[in-house]
Amino acid sequence: MTEERADPAAQHSEPWVVAAQSEVDTQRLGCALARALAHGGTVALIGPLGAGKTRLTQAIAGELGADRRTVNSPTFVLIQEYAASVPIFHCDTYRLRSVDEFLDLGVDEMFQSEALCLIEWADRVTPVLPPDRLQIEIEVTGPTARNFRISALGPHSFAVLANARAGFDSRGARQPE
């Protein structure tokens, strides 16, 4: 797995890019993010079908104590809730036809809670997402390889991103191309 290093003073303004070469690398990234998200927050997951949005969610939820086997794409149920050290809401907006349908699910209450909210296909509902959130754009670069571009939008998310970066194990990492 590779990590792009930025000037520490600029880490709040520039995205953190991690190149995962395997699902093991994605798991390691998810664990680092989970530890930083232990007190909740909102994570917007963006990427094409099969990019690894659910795989990253499994890693985050599992690290926080949820049963990984129960974490799957909520495409047909729209929202799953997992019991963990912090309540986890896992949303999938792929099948929604409008932002209003997303709001009708009661997401405002979810966003105002102390929970961790992970939203797949978040680019479909961006106008109603909390302004303070992590945004993770996933690019498929190979059969199991992915580039994760992680941006912090807001003060809570800046702290989460800094903590995730600090806790990330980059041993054996290669530099992104």
N, C-alpha and C. Protein backbone atom coordinates (compact mmCIF):
# COMPACT_ATOMS: atom_id res chain seq x y z
N MET A 1 0.86 -1.16 0.00
CA MET A 1 0.00 0.00 0.00
C MET A 1 0.90 1.22 0.00
N THR A 2 0.49 2.24 -0.71
CA THR A 2 1.29 3.45 -0.76
C THR A 2 0.50 4.62 -0.23
N GLU A 3 1.24 5.59 0.20
CA GLU A 3 0.63 6.78 0.79
C GLU A 3 1.35 7.99 0.24
N GLU A 4 0.59 8.98 -0.19
CA GLU A 4 1.16 10.25 -0.61
C GLU A 4 1.35 11.09 0.64
N ARG A 5 2.53 11.58 0.86
CA ARG A 5 2.80 12.41 2.04
C ARG A 5 2.73 13.87 1.63
N ALA A 6 2.05 14.64 2.45
CA ALA A 6 1.95 16.07 2.22
C ALA A 6 2.64 16.80 3.36
N ASP A 7 2.93 18.06 3.15
CA ASP A 7 3.47 18.92 4.20
C ASP A 7 2.49 18.89 5.37
N PRO A 8 2.95 18.61 6.61
CA PRO A 8 2.04 18.53 7.76
C PRO A 8 1.18 19.78 7.91
N ALA A 9 1.70 20.94 7.58
CA ALA A 9 0.92 22.18 7.71
C ALA A 9 -0.20 22.23 6.69
N ALA A 10 -0.06 21.48 5.59
CA ALA A 10 -1.07 21.52 4.54
C ALA A 10 -2.02 20.33 4.60
N GLN A 11 -1.86 19.43 5.58
CA GLN A 11 -2.66 18.22 5.57
C GLN A 11 -4.15 18.48 5.73
N HIS A 12 -4.52 19.62 6.24
CA HIS A 12 -5.95 19.93 6.36
C HIS A 12 -6.53 20.45 5.06
N SER A 13 -5.70 20.93 4.16
CA SER A 13 -6.22 21.51 2.93
C SER A 13 -6.06 20.59 1.73
N GLU A 14 -5.17 19.63 1.81
CA GLU A 14 -4.96 18.73 0.69
C GLU A 14 -5.47 17.35 1.02
N PRO A 15 -6.07 16.66 0.05
CA PRO A 15 -6.53 15.29 0.31
C PRO A 15 -5.37 14.36 0.61
N TRP A 16 -5.68 13.31 1.35
CA TRP A 16 -4.73 12.23 1.64
C TRP A 16 -5.03 11.14 0.62
N VAL A 17 -4.04 10.75 -0.15
CA VAL A 17 -4.23 9.72 -1.18
C VAL A 17 -3.47 8.47 -0.75
N VAL A 18 -4.20 7.37 -0.68
CA VAL A 18 -3.62 6.08 -0.32
C VAL A 18 -3.88 5.12 -1.47
N ALA A 19 -2.82 4.49 -1.95
CA ALA A 19 -2.93 3.50 -3.02
C ALA A 19 -2.88 2.11 -2.39
N ALA A 20 -4.02 1.42 -2.39
CA ALA A 20 -4.11 0.07 -1.85
C ALA A 20 -3.90 -0.92 -3.00
N GLN A 21 -3.00 -1.86 -2.79
CA GLN A 21 -2.71 -2.86 -3.83
C GLN A 21 -3.53 -4.13 -3.67
N SER A 22 -4.19 -4.28 -2.49
CA SER A 22 -4.92 -5.51 -2.21
C SER A 22 -6.05 -5.22 -1.22
N GLU A 23 -6.89 -6.23 -0.99
CA GLU A 23 -7.94 -6.10 0.01
C GLU A 23 -7.35 -5.99 1.42
N VAL A 24 -6.18 -6.58 1.63
CA VAL A 24 -5.49 -6.46 2.92
C VAL A 24 -5.13 -4.99 3.16
N ASP A 25 -4.66 -4.31 2.13
CA ASP A 25 -4.34 -2.89 2.24
C ASP A 25 -5.59 -2.07 2.54
N THR A 26 -6.70 -2.41 1.88
CA THR A 26 -7.96 -1.72 2.14
C THR A 26 -8.39 -1.95 3.59
N GLN A 27 -8.20 -3.15 4.09
CA GLN A 27 -8.50 -3.47 5.49
C GLN A 27 -7.67 -2.60 6.42
N ARG A 28 -6.39 -2.47 6.16
CA ARG A 28 -5.50 -1.66 7.01
C ARG A 28 -5.95 -0.20 7.02
N LEU A 29 -6.32 0.31 5.85
CA LEU A 29 -6.80 1.69 5.77
C LEU A 29 -8.09 1.83 6.58
N GLY A 30 -9.02 0.88 6.40
CA GLY A 30 -10.29 0.92 7.14
C GLY A 30 -10.07 0.91 8.64
N CYS A 31 -9.10 0.13 9.12
CA CYS A 31 -8.80 0.07 10.56
C CYS A 31 -8.29 1.41 11.07
N ALA A 32 -7.40 2.04 10.31
CA ALA A 32 -6.89 3.36 10.71
C ALA A 32 -8.01 4.39 10.74
N LEU A 33 -8.88 4.35 9.75
CA LEU A 33 -10.02 5.28 9.73
C LEU A 33 -10.95 5.02 10.90
N ALA A 34 -11.21 3.75 11.19
CA ALA A 34 -12.12 3.40 12.29
C ALA A 34 -11.63 3.94 13.62
N ARG A 35 -10.35 3.76 13.89
CA ARG A 35 -9.81 4.26 15.16
C ARG A 35 -10.00 5.77 15.26
N ALA A 36 -9.85 6.47 14.16
CA ALA A 36 -10.02 7.92 14.16
C ALA A 36 -11.50 8.33 14.24
N LEU A 37 -12.39 7.44 13.82
CA LEU A 37 -13.83 7.71 13.81
C LEU A 37 -14.54 7.11 15.02
N ALA A 38 -13.80 6.74 16.04
CA ALA A 38 -14.36 6.05 17.20
C ALA A 38 -15.43 6.85 17.95
N HIS A 39 -15.49 8.15 17.69
CA HIS A 39 -16.50 8.98 18.36
C HIS A 39 -17.56 9.47 17.38
N GLY A 40 -17.66 8.83 16.21
CA GLY A 40 -18.69 9.15 15.25
C GLY A 40 -18.25 10.14 14.20
N GLY A 41 -19.18 10.46 13.32
CA GLY A 41 -18.92 11.37 12.21
C GLY A 41 -19.64 10.87 10.98
N THR A 42 -19.43 11.57 9.89
CA THR A 42 -20.05 11.21 8.62
C THR A 42 -18.97 10.97 7.59
N VAL A 43 -19.11 9.87 6.84
CA VAL A 43 -18.17 9.51 5.79
C VAL A 43 -18.95 9.33 4.50
N ALA A 44 -18.60 10.14 3.50
CA ALA A 44 -19.21 10.06 2.17
C ALA A 44 -18.32 9.22 1.28
N LEU A 45 -18.85 8.07 0.81
CA LEU A 45 -18.09 7.14 -0.03
C LEU A 45 -18.54 7.29 -1.47
N ILE A 46 -17.58 7.55 -2.35
CA ILE A 46 -17.89 7.80 -3.75
C ILE A 46 -16.99 6.92 -4.62
N GLY A 47 -17.60 6.23 -5.56
CA GLY A 47 -16.83 5.40 -6.48
C GLY A 47 -17.77 4.56 -7.31
N PRO A 48 -17.27 4.01 -8.41
CA PRO A 48 -18.11 3.21 -9.29
C PRO A 48 -18.50 1.88 -8.65
N LEU A 49 -19.42 1.19 -9.28
CA LEU A 49 -19.84 -0.13 -8.85
C LEU A 49 -18.60 -1.03 -8.75
N GLY A 50 -18.47 -1.73 -7.64
CA GLY A 50 -17.34 -2.64 -7.45
C GLY A 50 -16.05 -1.96 -7.01
N ALA A 51 -16.11 -0.69 -6.64
CA ALA A 51 -14.90 0.05 -6.27
C ALA A 51 -14.36 -0.36 -4.90
N GLY A 52 -15.23 -0.86 -4.03
CA GLY A 52 -14.77 -1.23 -2.70
C GLY A 52 -15.38 -0.42 -1.57
N LYS A 53 -16.48 0.25 -1.85
CA LYS A 53 -17.16 1.06 -0.82
C LYS A 53 -17.61 0.16 0.34
N THR A 54 -18.23 -0.95 0.02
CA THR A 54 -18.70 -1.86 1.06
C THR A 54 -17.53 -2.56 1.74
N ARG A 55 -16.50 -2.92 1.02
CA ARG A 55 -15.32 -3.56 1.61
C ARG A 55 -14.67 -2.63 2.63
N LEU A 56 -14.55 -1.34 2.30
CA LEU A 56 -13.98 -0.38 3.25
C LEU A 56 -14.90 -0.23 4.46
N THR A 57 -16.20 -0.21 4.23
CA THR A 57 -17.16 -0.13 5.33
C THR A 57 -17.04 -1.35 6.25
N GLN A 58 -16.86 -2.53 5.68
CA GLN A 58 -16.67 -3.75 6.49
C GLN A 58 -15.45 -3.61 7.39
N ALA A 59 -14.38 -3.07 6.84
CA ALA A 59 -13.15 -2.90 7.63
C ALA A 59 -13.37 -1.92 8.77
N ILE A 60 -14.02 -0.81 8.48
CA ILE A 60 -14.28 0.21 9.51
C ILE A 60 -15.19 -0.37 10.59
N ALA A 61 -16.30 -0.95 10.18
CA ALA A 61 -17.28 -1.49 11.14
C ALA A 61 -16.67 -2.62 11.98
N GLY A 62 -15.92 -3.50 11.34
CA GLY A 62 -15.30 -4.60 12.06
C GLY A 62 -14.31 -4.11 13.11
N GLU A 63 -13.54 -3.12 12.77
CA GLU A 63 -12.56 -2.57 13.72
C GLU A 63 -13.26 -1.92 14.92
N LEU A 64 -14.47 -1.42 14.70
CA LEU A 64 -15.23 -0.79 15.79
C LEU A 64 -16.06 -1.80 16.59
N GLY A 65 -15.96 -3.08 16.23
CA GLY A 65 -16.63 -4.11 17.01
C GLY A 65 -17.88 -4.71 16.41
N ALA A 66 -18.28 -4.28 15.23
CA ALA A 66 -19.43 -4.88 14.56
C ALA A 66 -19.02 -6.24 13.99
N ASP A 67 -19.97 -7.13 13.84
CA ASP A 67 -19.71 -8.42 13.21
C ASP A 67 -19.58 -8.19 11.71
N ARG A 68 -18.37 -8.31 11.20
CA ARG A 68 -18.09 -8.06 9.77
C ARG A 68 -19.00 -8.86 8.86
N ARG A 69 -19.39 -10.05 9.29
CA ARG A 69 -20.23 -10.92 8.45
C ARG A 69 -21.60 -10.33 8.20
N THR A 70 -22.03 -9.42 9.08
CA THR A 70 -23.36 -8.81 8.91
C THR A 70 -23.30 -7.54 8.08
N VAL A 71 -22.10 -7.07 7.77
CA VAL A 71 -21.95 -5.82 7.02
C VAL A 71 -21.96 -6.14 5.53
N ASN A 72 -23.04 -5.73 4.87
CA ASN A 72 -23.11 -5.91 3.43
C ASN A 72 -23.76 -4.68 2.82
N SER A 73 -23.76 -4.61 1.52
CA SER A 73 -24.30 -3.44 0.84
C SER A 73 -25.79 -3.31 1.12
N PRO A 74 -26.21 -2.16 1.63
CA PRO A 74 -27.63 -1.98 1.93
C PRO A 74 -28.44 -1.47 0.73
N THR A 75 -28.06 -1.89 -0.47
CA THR A 75 -28.70 -1.39 -1.68
C THR A 75 -30.21 -1.56 -1.65
N PHE A 76 -30.71 -2.68 -1.15
CA PHE A 76 -32.16 -2.93 -1.20
C PHE A 76 -32.88 -2.53 0.08
N VAL A 77 -32.15 -2.37 1.19
CA VAL A 77 -32.80 -1.94 2.43
C VAL A 77 -32.51 -0.47 2.72
N LEU A 78 -31.57 0.12 2.00
CA LEU A 78 -31.17 1.52 2.04
C LEU A 78 -30.36 1.92 3.27
N ILE A 79 -30.74 1.47 4.47
CA ILE A 79 -29.95 1.78 5.67
C ILE A 79 -29.85 0.53 6.54
N GLN A 80 -28.63 0.21 6.93
CA GLN A 80 -28.38 -0.86 7.89
C GLN A 80 -27.82 -0.20 9.15
N GLU A 81 -28.12 -0.76 10.30
CA GLU A 81 -27.54 -0.28 11.54
C GLU A 81 -26.76 -1.42 12.17
N TYR A 82 -25.54 -1.12 12.63
CA TYR A 82 -24.70 -2.13 13.24
C TYR A 82 -24.36 -1.71 14.66
N ALA A 83 -24.42 -2.68 15.57
CA ALA A 83 -24.02 -2.44 16.95
C ALA A 83 -22.50 -2.55 17.03
N ALA A 84 -21.89 -1.52 17.57
CA ALA A 84 -20.44 -1.48 17.72
C ALA A 84 -20.12 -0.55 18.88
N SER A 85 -18.86 -0.21 19.05
CA SER A 85 -18.48 0.69 20.14
C SER A 85 -19.13 2.06 19.96
N VAL A 86 -19.47 2.41 18.75
CA VAL A 86 -20.27 3.59 18.42
C VAL A 86 -21.34 3.07 17.46
N PRO A 87 -22.60 3.51 17.58
CA PRO A 87 -23.61 3.04 16.62
C PRO A 87 -23.18 3.40 15.19
N ILE A 88 -23.38 2.46 14.27
CA ILE A 88 -23.00 2.68 12.88
C ILE A 88 -24.24 2.59 12.00
N PHE A 89 -24.44 3.63 11.19
CA PHE A 89 -25.48 3.62 10.16
C PHE A 89 -24.77 3.52 8.82
N HIS A 90 -25.20 2.56 8.01
CA HIS A 90 -24.60 2.31 6.69
C HIS A 90 -25.69 2.52 5.66
N CYS A 91 -25.55 3.55 4.85
CA CYS A 91 -26.58 3.92 3.87
C CYS A 91 -26.08 3.67 2.45
N ASP A 92 -27.02 3.38 1.57
CA ASP A 92 -26.71 3.22 0.16
C ASP A 92 -27.75 4.01 -0.62
N THR A 93 -27.32 5.00 -1.36
CA THR A 93 -28.27 5.86 -2.09
C THR A 93 -28.39 5.49 -3.57
N TYR A 94 -27.80 4.37 -3.96
CA TYR A 94 -27.77 3.98 -5.38
C TYR A 94 -29.17 3.91 -6.01
N ARG A 95 -30.12 3.36 -5.30
CA ARG A 95 -31.46 3.15 -5.86
C ARG A 95 -32.40 4.33 -5.67
N LEU A 96 -31.98 5.35 -4.93
CA LEU A 96 -32.86 6.49 -4.67
C LEU A 96 -32.98 7.35 -5.93
N ARG A 97 -34.17 7.89 -6.13
CA ARG A 97 -34.41 8.72 -7.30
C ARG A 97 -34.21 10.20 -7.03
N SER A 98 -34.17 10.58 -5.73
CA SER A 98 -34.02 12.00 -5.42
C SER A 98 -33.44 12.19 -4.03
N VAL A 99 -32.96 13.38 -3.78
CA VAL A 99 -32.46 13.75 -2.47
C VAL A 99 -33.60 13.68 -1.46
N ASP A 100 -34.81 14.03 -1.88
CA ASP A 100 -35.97 13.99 -0.97
C ASP A 100 -36.21 12.57 -0.46
N GLU A 101 -36.02 11.56 -1.30
CA GLU A 101 -36.18 10.18 -0.84
C GLU A 101 -35.17 9.86 0.26
N PHE A 102 -33.97 10.39 0.14
CA PHE A 102 -32.95 10.19 1.16
C PHE A 102 -33.38 10.87 2.46
N LEU A 103 -33.86 12.09 2.36
CA LEU A 103 -34.32 12.81 3.55
C LEU A 103 -35.50 12.10 4.21
N ASP A 104 -36.37 11.50 3.40
CA ASP A 104 -37.54 10.78 3.94
C ASP A 104 -37.14 9.57 4.79
N LEU A 105 -35.91 9.12 4.67
CA LEU A 105 -35.43 7.99 5.47
C LEU A 105 -35.12 8.40 6.92
N GLY A 106 -35.20 9.69 7.20
CA GLY A 106 -34.91 10.18 8.56
C GLY A 106 -33.44 10.41 8.82
N VAL A 107 -32.70 10.71 7.78
CA VAL A 107 -31.25 10.86 7.92
C VAL A 107 -30.85 12.07 8.76
N ASP A 108 -31.70 13.08 8.85
CA ASP A 108 -31.36 14.24 9.68
C ASP A 108 -31.11 13.81 11.13
N GLU A 109 -31.97 12.93 11.64
CA GLU A 109 -31.78 12.43 13.01
C GLU A 109 -30.49 11.62 13.12
N MET A 110 -30.21 10.85 12.10
CA MET A 110 -28.99 10.05 12.07
C MET A 110 -27.77 10.96 12.11
N PHE A 111 -27.77 12.03 11.31
CA PHE A 111 -26.64 12.95 11.25
C PHE A 111 -26.45 13.72 12.56
N GLN A 112 -27.54 13.97 13.27
CA GLN A 112 -27.46 14.73 14.52
C GLN A 112 -27.11 13.86 15.73
N SER A 113 -27.06 12.57 15.53
CA SER A 113 -26.74 11.65 16.63
C SER A 113 -25.23 11.55 16.82
N GLU A 114 -24.84 10.76 17.80
CA GLU A 114 -23.42 10.51 18.08
C GLU A 114 -22.89 9.34 17.25
N ALA A 115 -23.63 8.93 16.25
CA ALA A 115 -23.29 7.74 15.47
C ALA A 115 -22.24 8.02 14.39
N LEU A 116 -21.74 6.94 13.83
CA LEU A 116 -20.92 6.99 12.64
C LEU A 116 -21.83 6.69 11.46
N CYS A 117 -21.87 7.58 10.50
CA CYS A 117 -22.72 7.42 9.31
C CYS A 117 -21.83 7.22 8.09
N LEU A 118 -21.96 6.07 7.44
CA LEU A 118 -21.20 5.74 6.24
C LEU A 118 -22.18 5.69 5.08
N ILE A 119 -21.98 6.54 4.07
CA ILE A 119 -22.94 6.68 2.99
C ILE A 119 -22.30 6.31 1.66
N GLU A 120 -22.77 5.21 1.08
CA GLU A 120 -22.31 4.80 -0.25
C GLU A 120 -23.07 5.58 -1.31
N TRP A 121 -22.40 5.87 -2.41
CA TRP A 121 -22.95 6.66 -3.51
C TRP A 121 -23.35 8.05 -3.00
N ALA A 122 -22.52 8.60 -2.12
CA ALA A 122 -22.82 9.88 -1.47
C ALA A 122 -22.92 11.04 -2.45
N ASP A 123 -22.29 10.92 -3.61
CA ASP A 123 -22.36 11.99 -4.59
C ASP A 123 -23.78 12.22 -5.09
N ARG A 124 -24.69 11.28 -4.87
CA ARG A 124 -26.09 11.42 -5.29
C ARG A 124 -26.89 12.29 -4.33
N VAL A 125 -26.36 12.50 -3.11
CA VAL A 125 -27.10 13.25 -2.08
C VAL A 125 -26.25 14.35 -1.44
N THR A 126 -25.21 14.76 -2.11
CA THR A 126 -24.28 15.75 -1.56
C THR A 126 -24.96 16.99 -0.97
N PRO A 127 -26.00 17.55 -1.61
CA PRO A 127 -26.58 18.79 -1.07
C PRO A 127 -27.13 18.67 0.35
N VAL A 128 -27.46 17.46 0.81
CA VAL A 128 -28.06 17.33 2.14
C VAL A 128 -27.13 16.64 3.14
N LEU A 129 -25.90 16.40 2.75
CA LEU A 129 -24.94 15.81 3.68
C LEU A 129 -24.43 16.88 4.64
N PRO A 130 -24.04 16.46 5.85
CA PRO A 130 -23.47 17.44 6.78
C PRO A 130 -22.24 18.10 6.14
N PRO A 131 -22.07 19.39 6.35
CA PRO A 131 -20.91 20.06 5.76
C PRO A 131 -19.59 19.58 6.35
N ASP A 132 -19.61 19.08 7.59
CA ASP A 132 -18.41 18.55 8.23
C ASP A 132 -18.43 17.03 8.05
N ARG A 133 -17.62 16.55 7.11
CA ARG A 133 -17.59 15.11 6.81
C ARG A 133 -16.28 14.74 6.16
N LEU A 134 -15.98 13.46 6.20
CA LEU A 134 -14.89 12.92 5.40
C LEU A 134 -15.49 12.53 4.06
N GLN A 135 -14.76 12.80 3.01
CA GLN A 135 -15.20 12.37 1.68
C GLN A 135 -14.12 11.47 1.12
N ILE A 136 -14.51 10.24 0.76
CA ILE A 136 -13.55 9.27 0.24
C ILE A 136 -13.95 8.90 -1.18
N GLU A 137 -13.11 9.31 -2.12
CA GLU A 137 -13.33 8.97 -3.52
C GLU A 137 -12.43 7.79 -3.85
N ILE A 138 -13.05 6.75 -4.42
CA ILE A 138 -12.32 5.51 -4.68
C ILE A 138 -12.19 5.32 -6.19
N GLU A 139 -10.96 5.11 -6.62
CA GLU A 139 -10.67 4.87 -8.03
C GLU A 139 -10.13 3.45 -8.16
N VAL A 140 -10.72 2.68 -9.07
CA VAL A 140 -10.26 1.32 -9.35
C VAL A 140 -9.04 1.42 -10.26
N THR A 141 -7.92 0.82 -9.82
CA THR A 141 -6.69 0.88 -10.60
C THR A 141 -6.20 -0.51 -11.02
N GLY A 142 -6.90 -1.55 -10.57
CA GLY A 142 -6.54 -2.92 -10.92
C GLY A 142 -7.55 -3.87 -10.31
N PRO A 143 -7.39 -5.18 -10.52
CA PRO A 143 -8.37 -6.14 -10.00
C PRO A 143 -8.64 -6.00 -8.50
N THR A 144 -7.60 -5.76 -7.71
CA THR A 144 -7.79 -5.54 -6.27
C THR A 144 -7.15 -4.23 -5.81
N ALA A 145 -6.63 -3.47 -6.75
CA ALA A 145 -5.95 -2.21 -6.42
C ALA A 145 -6.91 -1.03 -6.51
N ARG A 146 -6.77 -0.12 -5.53
CA ARG A 146 -7.62 1.05 -5.47
C ARG A 146 -6.81 2.25 -5.01
N ASN A 147 -7.18 3.42 -5.49
CA ASN A 147 -6.67 4.67 -4.94
C ASN A 147 -7.80 5.28 -4.12
N PHE A 148 -7.49 5.62 -2.87
CA PHE A 148 -8.46 6.25 -1.97
C PHE A 148 -8.02 7.71 -1.79
N ARG A 149 -8.87 8.63 -2.20
CA ARG A 149 -8.60 10.07 -2.06
C ARG A 149 -9.50 10.56 -0.94
N ILE A 150 -8.91 10.88 0.21
CA ILE A 150 -9.68 11.19 1.41
C ILE A 150 -9.54 12.68 1.72
N SER A 151 -10.68 13.37 1.73
CA SER A 151 -10.71 14.80 2.01
C SER A 151 -11.49 15.07 3.28
N ALA A 152 -11.03 16.04 4.04
CA ALA A 152 -11.73 16.47 5.25
C ALA A 152 -12.46 17.77 4.94
N LEU A 153 -13.74 17.78 5.25
CA LEU A 153 -14.56 18.97 5.04
C LEU A 153 -15.12 19.39 6.40
N GLY A 154 -14.44 20.28 7.08
CA GLY A 154 -14.90 20.74 8.37
C GLY A 154 -13.96 20.38 9.50
N PRO A 155 -14.09 21.07 10.64
CA PRO A 155 -13.14 20.92 11.74
C PRO A 155 -13.09 19.53 12.37
N HIS A 156 -14.24 18.90 12.60
CA HIS A 156 -14.23 17.54 13.17
C HIS A 156 -13.52 16.59 12.21
N SER A 157 -13.84 16.69 10.95
CA SER A 157 -13.25 15.80 9.94
C SER A 157 -11.76 16.07 9.76
N PHE A 158 -11.33 17.32 9.90
CA PHE A 158 -9.89 17.61 9.84
C PHE A 158 -9.17 16.84 10.94
N ALA A 159 -9.72 16.84 12.16
CA ALA A 159 -9.11 16.12 13.27
C ALA A 159 -9.13 14.62 13.01
N VAL A 160 -10.24 14.10 12.49
CA VAL A 160 -10.34 12.67 12.17
C VAL A 160 -9.27 12.29 11.14
N LEU A 161 -9.15 13.09 10.10
CA LEU A 161 -8.17 12.78 9.05
C LEU A 161 -6.75 12.82 9.60
N ALA A 162 -6.44 13.81 10.41
CA ALA A 162 -5.10 13.90 11.01
C ALA A 162 -4.83 12.67 11.88
N ASN A 163 -5.82 12.24 12.67
CA ASN A 163 -5.64 11.07 13.52
C ASN A 163 -5.50 9.79 12.70
N ALA A 164 -6.26 9.67 11.63
CA ALA A 164 -6.16 8.49 10.77
C ALA A 164 -4.78 8.41 10.13
N ARG A 165 -4.31 9.54 9.64
CA ARG A 165 -2.98 9.56 9.02
C ARG A 165 -1.90 9.21 10.03
N ALA A 166 -2.02 9.76 11.22
CA ALA A 166 -1.01 9.50 12.26
C ALA A 166 -1.02 8.03 12.68
N GLY A 167 -2.19 7.39 12.66
CA GLY A 167 -2.29 6.00 13.08
C GLY A 167 -2.13 4.99 11.97
N PHE A 168 -1.92 5.47 10.78
CA PHE A 168 -1.82 4.57 9.63
C PHE A 168 -0.46 3.90 9.58
N ASP A 169 -0.46 2.60 9.44
CA ASP A 169 0.77 1.83 9.36
C ASP A 169 1.21 1.77 7.91
N SER A 170 2.21 2.53 7.57
CA SER A 170 2.67 2.60 6.17
C SER A 170 3.89 1.74 5.91
N ARG A 171 4.22 0.83 6.83
CA ARG A 171 5.38 -0.05 6.59
C ARG A 171 5.18 -0.84 5.30
N GLY A 172 6.21 -0.88 4.49
CA GLY A 172 6.16 -1.63 3.26
C GLY A 172 5.41 -0.91 2.15
N ALA A 173 5.09 0.35 2.37
CA ALA A 173 4.32 1.10 1.37
C ALA A 173 5.21 1.51 0.20
N ARG A 174 4.59 1.52 -0.97
CA ARG A 174 5.26 2.03 -2.16
C ARG A 174 4.67 3.39 -2.50
N GLN A 175 5.42 4.21 -3.14
CA GLN A 175 4.94 5.53 -3.51
C GLN A 175 3.97 5.42 -4.68
N PRO A 176 2.88 6.22 -4.69
CA PRO A 176 1.94 6.18 -5.81
C PRO A 176 2.61 6.68 -7.09
N GLU A 177 2.12 6.16 -8.18
CA GLU A 177 2.68 6.56 -9.49
C GLU A 177 1.92 7.73 -10.04
